[in-house]
N, C-alpha and C. Protein backbone atom coordinates (compact mmCIF):
# COMPACT_ATOMS: atom_id res chain seq x y z
N MET A 1 13.62 10.26 -31.62
CA MET A 1 13.33 9.91 -30.25
C MET A 1 14.63 9.84 -29.49
N ARG A 2 14.63 10.39 -28.31
CA ARG A 2 15.85 10.34 -27.52
C ARG A 2 15.72 9.30 -26.42
N ALA A 3 16.83 8.71 -26.11
CA ALA A 3 16.85 7.76 -25.00
C ALA A 3 17.00 8.54 -23.71
N MET A 4 16.18 8.24 -22.75
CA MET A 4 16.25 8.92 -21.47
C MET A 4 17.05 8.09 -20.50
N ALA A 5 17.57 8.73 -19.50
CA ALA A 5 18.28 8.00 -18.45
C ALA A 5 17.27 7.23 -17.63
N ARG A 6 17.45 7.11 -16.37
CA ARG A 6 16.57 6.30 -15.54
C ARG A 6 15.48 7.09 -14.84
N SER A 7 15.25 8.32 -15.21
CA SER A 7 14.27 9.13 -14.49
C SER A 7 12.86 8.53 -14.50
N PRO A 8 12.38 7.87 -15.59
CA PRO A 8 11.05 7.27 -15.51
C PRO A 8 10.94 6.22 -14.40
N THR A 9 12.02 5.51 -14.13
CA THR A 9 11.98 4.51 -13.06
C THR A 9 11.72 5.21 -11.73
N THR A 10 12.44 6.25 -11.46
CA THR A 10 12.29 6.97 -10.21
C THR A 10 10.90 7.58 -10.11
N ASP A 11 10.45 8.23 -11.18
CA ASP A 11 9.12 8.85 -11.18
C ASP A 11 8.03 7.82 -10.96
N ALA A 12 8.08 6.71 -11.69
CA ALA A 12 7.04 5.69 -11.59
C ALA A 12 7.01 5.08 -10.20
N THR A 13 8.18 4.80 -9.65
CA THR A 13 8.23 4.20 -8.31
C THR A 13 7.70 5.18 -7.28
N SER A 14 8.08 6.44 -7.37
CA SER A 14 7.63 7.44 -6.41
C SER A 14 6.12 7.61 -6.46
N GLN A 15 5.56 7.64 -7.67
CA GLN A 15 4.13 7.81 -7.83
C GLN A 15 3.38 6.62 -7.25
N THR A 16 3.88 5.43 -7.47
CA THR A 16 3.22 4.23 -6.97
C THR A 16 3.29 4.19 -5.44
N GLN A 17 4.43 4.54 -4.87
CA GLN A 17 4.56 4.55 -3.42
C GLN A 17 3.62 5.58 -2.81
N ALA A 18 3.46 6.70 -3.49
CA ALA A 18 2.56 7.74 -2.99
C ALA A 18 1.12 7.25 -2.97
N ALA A 19 0.80 6.29 -3.83
CA ALA A 19 -0.55 5.75 -3.88
C ALA A 19 -0.82 4.82 -2.69
N GLY A 20 0.22 4.42 -1.97
CA GLY A 20 0.03 3.65 -0.75
C GLY A 20 0.12 2.15 -0.93
N SER A 21 0.47 1.65 -2.10
CA SER A 21 0.58 0.21 -2.32
C SER A 21 1.94 -0.27 -1.84
N ARG A 22 1.98 -1.42 -1.20
CA ARG A 22 3.24 -1.97 -0.71
C ARG A 22 3.84 -2.97 -1.68
N ARG A 23 3.04 -3.79 -2.32
CA ARG A 23 3.56 -4.84 -3.17
C ARG A 23 3.91 -4.34 -4.56
N VAL A 24 3.10 -3.47 -5.11
CA VAL A 24 3.28 -2.99 -6.48
C VAL A 24 4.62 -2.28 -6.69
N PRO A 25 5.08 -1.41 -5.77
CA PRO A 25 6.33 -0.72 -6.03
C PRO A 25 7.51 -1.65 -6.26
N ASP A 26 7.59 -2.74 -5.50
CA ASP A 26 8.69 -3.68 -5.69
C ASP A 26 8.63 -4.31 -7.07
N GLU A 27 7.48 -4.77 -7.48
CA GLU A 27 7.32 -5.41 -8.78
C GLU A 27 7.52 -4.39 -9.90
N LYS A 28 6.92 -3.23 -9.74
CA LYS A 28 7.04 -2.20 -10.76
C LYS A 28 8.48 -1.72 -10.86
N SER A 29 9.13 -1.59 -9.73
CA SER A 29 10.53 -1.16 -9.71
C SER A 29 11.41 -2.16 -10.45
N ARG A 30 11.16 -3.44 -10.25
CA ARG A 30 11.94 -4.47 -10.95
C ARG A 30 11.74 -4.40 -12.45
N VAL A 31 10.50 -4.23 -12.88
CA VAL A 31 10.19 -4.13 -14.31
C VAL A 31 10.85 -2.89 -14.90
N MET A 32 10.70 -1.74 -14.23
CA MET A 32 11.28 -0.51 -14.74
C MET A 32 12.80 -0.56 -14.76
N THR A 33 13.40 -1.24 -13.80
CA THR A 33 14.84 -1.42 -13.78
C THR A 33 15.29 -2.26 -14.98
N ALA A 34 14.56 -3.33 -15.27
CA ALA A 34 14.88 -4.18 -16.43
C ALA A 34 14.73 -3.41 -17.73
N ILE A 35 13.67 -2.61 -17.84
CA ILE A 35 13.48 -1.79 -19.03
C ILE A 35 14.60 -0.76 -19.14
N GLY A 36 14.96 -0.14 -18.02
CA GLY A 36 16.06 0.82 -18.01
C GLY A 36 17.36 0.20 -18.47
N GLN A 37 17.57 -1.05 -18.10
CA GLN A 37 18.80 -1.76 -18.53
C GLN A 37 18.79 -1.97 -20.04
N MET A 38 17.61 -2.31 -20.61
CA MET A 38 17.52 -2.47 -22.06
C MET A 38 17.81 -1.15 -22.77
N VAL A 39 17.35 -0.04 -22.19
CA VAL A 39 17.64 1.28 -22.76
C VAL A 39 19.13 1.56 -22.65
N ASP A 40 19.70 1.30 -21.49
CA ASP A 40 21.14 1.52 -21.29
C ASP A 40 21.98 0.68 -22.25
N ASP A 41 21.51 -0.53 -22.56
CA ASP A 41 22.22 -1.44 -23.46
C ASP A 41 22.02 -1.08 -24.93
N GLY A 42 21.16 -0.10 -25.21
CA GLY A 42 20.93 0.32 -26.58
C GLY A 42 19.91 -0.52 -27.33
N ARG A 43 19.15 -1.35 -26.63
CA ARG A 43 18.15 -2.21 -27.28
C ARG A 43 16.79 -1.55 -27.37
N ALA A 44 16.61 -0.42 -26.67
CA ALA A 44 15.31 0.27 -26.67
C ALA A 44 15.54 1.75 -26.38
N GLU A 45 14.51 2.54 -26.67
CA GLU A 45 14.50 3.96 -26.34
C GLU A 45 13.19 4.26 -25.65
N TRP A 46 13.19 5.22 -24.73
CA TRP A 46 11.94 5.61 -24.12
C TRP A 46 11.85 7.11 -24.01
N SER A 47 10.62 7.58 -23.99
CA SER A 47 10.38 9.01 -23.84
C SER A 47 9.04 9.18 -23.14
N ARG A 48 8.84 10.34 -22.58
CA ARG A 48 7.60 10.64 -21.88
C ARG A 48 6.62 11.28 -22.87
N THR A 49 5.36 10.84 -22.85
CA THR A 49 4.34 11.41 -23.71
C THR A 49 3.74 12.64 -23.05
N ALA A 50 2.90 13.35 -23.80
CA ALA A 50 2.25 14.55 -23.26
C ALA A 50 1.33 14.21 -22.09
N THR A 51 0.83 12.97 -22.04
CA THR A 51 -0.06 12.56 -20.96
C THR A 51 0.70 12.05 -19.74
N GLY A 52 2.03 11.98 -19.84
CA GLY A 52 2.83 11.52 -18.71
C GLY A 52 3.17 10.05 -18.75
N ASP A 53 2.62 9.32 -19.72
CA ASP A 53 2.97 7.91 -19.87
C ASP A 53 4.36 7.81 -20.48
N ILE A 54 4.93 6.63 -20.47
CA ILE A 54 6.24 6.40 -21.06
C ILE A 54 6.03 5.60 -22.34
N GLU A 55 6.58 6.10 -23.45
CA GLU A 55 6.55 5.34 -24.70
C GLU A 55 7.88 4.60 -24.81
N LEU A 56 7.79 3.30 -24.96
CA LEU A 56 8.97 2.44 -25.04
C LEU A 56 9.04 1.86 -26.44
N ARG A 57 10.15 2.11 -27.14
CA ARG A 57 10.35 1.61 -28.51
C ARG A 57 11.56 0.69 -28.53
N PHE A 58 11.32 -0.55 -28.91
CA PHE A 58 12.42 -1.50 -29.06
C PHE A 58 12.99 -1.39 -30.47
N LEU A 59 14.27 -1.69 -30.62
CA LEU A 59 14.89 -1.61 -31.94
C LEU A 59 14.28 -2.62 -32.91
N THR A 60 13.61 -3.63 -32.41
CA THR A 60 12.96 -4.63 -33.26
C THR A 60 11.62 -4.13 -33.80
N GLY A 61 11.17 -2.93 -33.37
CA GLY A 61 9.96 -2.34 -33.91
C GLY A 61 8.77 -2.29 -32.99
N GLU A 62 8.77 -3.04 -31.90
CA GLU A 62 7.64 -3.02 -30.98
C GLU A 62 7.60 -1.68 -30.24
N VAL A 63 6.37 -1.19 -30.03
CA VAL A 63 6.17 0.06 -29.30
C VAL A 63 5.14 -0.20 -28.21
N PHE A 64 5.43 0.24 -26.99
CA PHE A 64 4.54 0.05 -25.85
C PHE A 64 4.33 1.39 -25.15
N LEU A 65 3.16 1.56 -24.58
CA LEU A 65 2.88 2.68 -23.68
C LEU A 65 2.85 2.13 -22.27
N LEU A 66 3.66 2.69 -21.40
CA LEU A 66 3.71 2.26 -20.00
C LEU A 66 2.99 3.31 -19.17
N GLY A 67 1.79 2.97 -18.76
CA GLY A 67 1.01 3.87 -17.92
C GLY A 67 1.27 3.60 -16.46
N GLU A 68 0.56 4.30 -15.61
CA GLU A 68 0.72 4.13 -14.17
C GLU A 68 0.38 2.70 -13.74
N MET A 69 -0.70 2.15 -14.30
CA MET A 69 -1.14 0.81 -13.90
C MET A 69 -1.37 -0.13 -15.08
N PHE A 70 -0.83 0.20 -16.26
CA PHE A 70 -1.07 -0.63 -17.43
C PHE A 70 0.10 -0.57 -18.40
N VAL A 71 0.16 -1.56 -19.28
CA VAL A 71 1.09 -1.57 -20.41
C VAL A 71 0.28 -1.91 -21.64
N THR A 72 0.39 -1.08 -22.67
CA THR A 72 -0.36 -1.28 -23.91
C THR A 72 0.60 -1.39 -25.07
N ARG A 73 0.47 -2.45 -25.86
CA ARG A 73 1.28 -2.56 -27.06
C ARG A 73 0.63 -1.72 -28.17
N VAL A 74 1.40 -0.81 -28.76
CA VAL A 74 0.90 0.07 -29.80
C VAL A 74 1.20 -0.53 -31.17
N GLU A 75 2.42 -1.00 -31.38
CA GLU A 75 2.82 -1.60 -32.66
C GLU A 75 3.51 -2.90 -32.42
């Protein structure tokens, strides 16, 4: 798995803004920025799935799928 730069943050924020929500982009942007910082710090890796969701893997073993409007713990 490769660590991605911050492109999922930009993509997720842009998609949410396009949906017309005013409050969600700020909150979602903060969460994605925090996740991006964990990736930058080497504590996690993320990649885009075939469905366009983001798979987030922490070095401690937890795996999450970050969808447009949901977060699901896989492992």
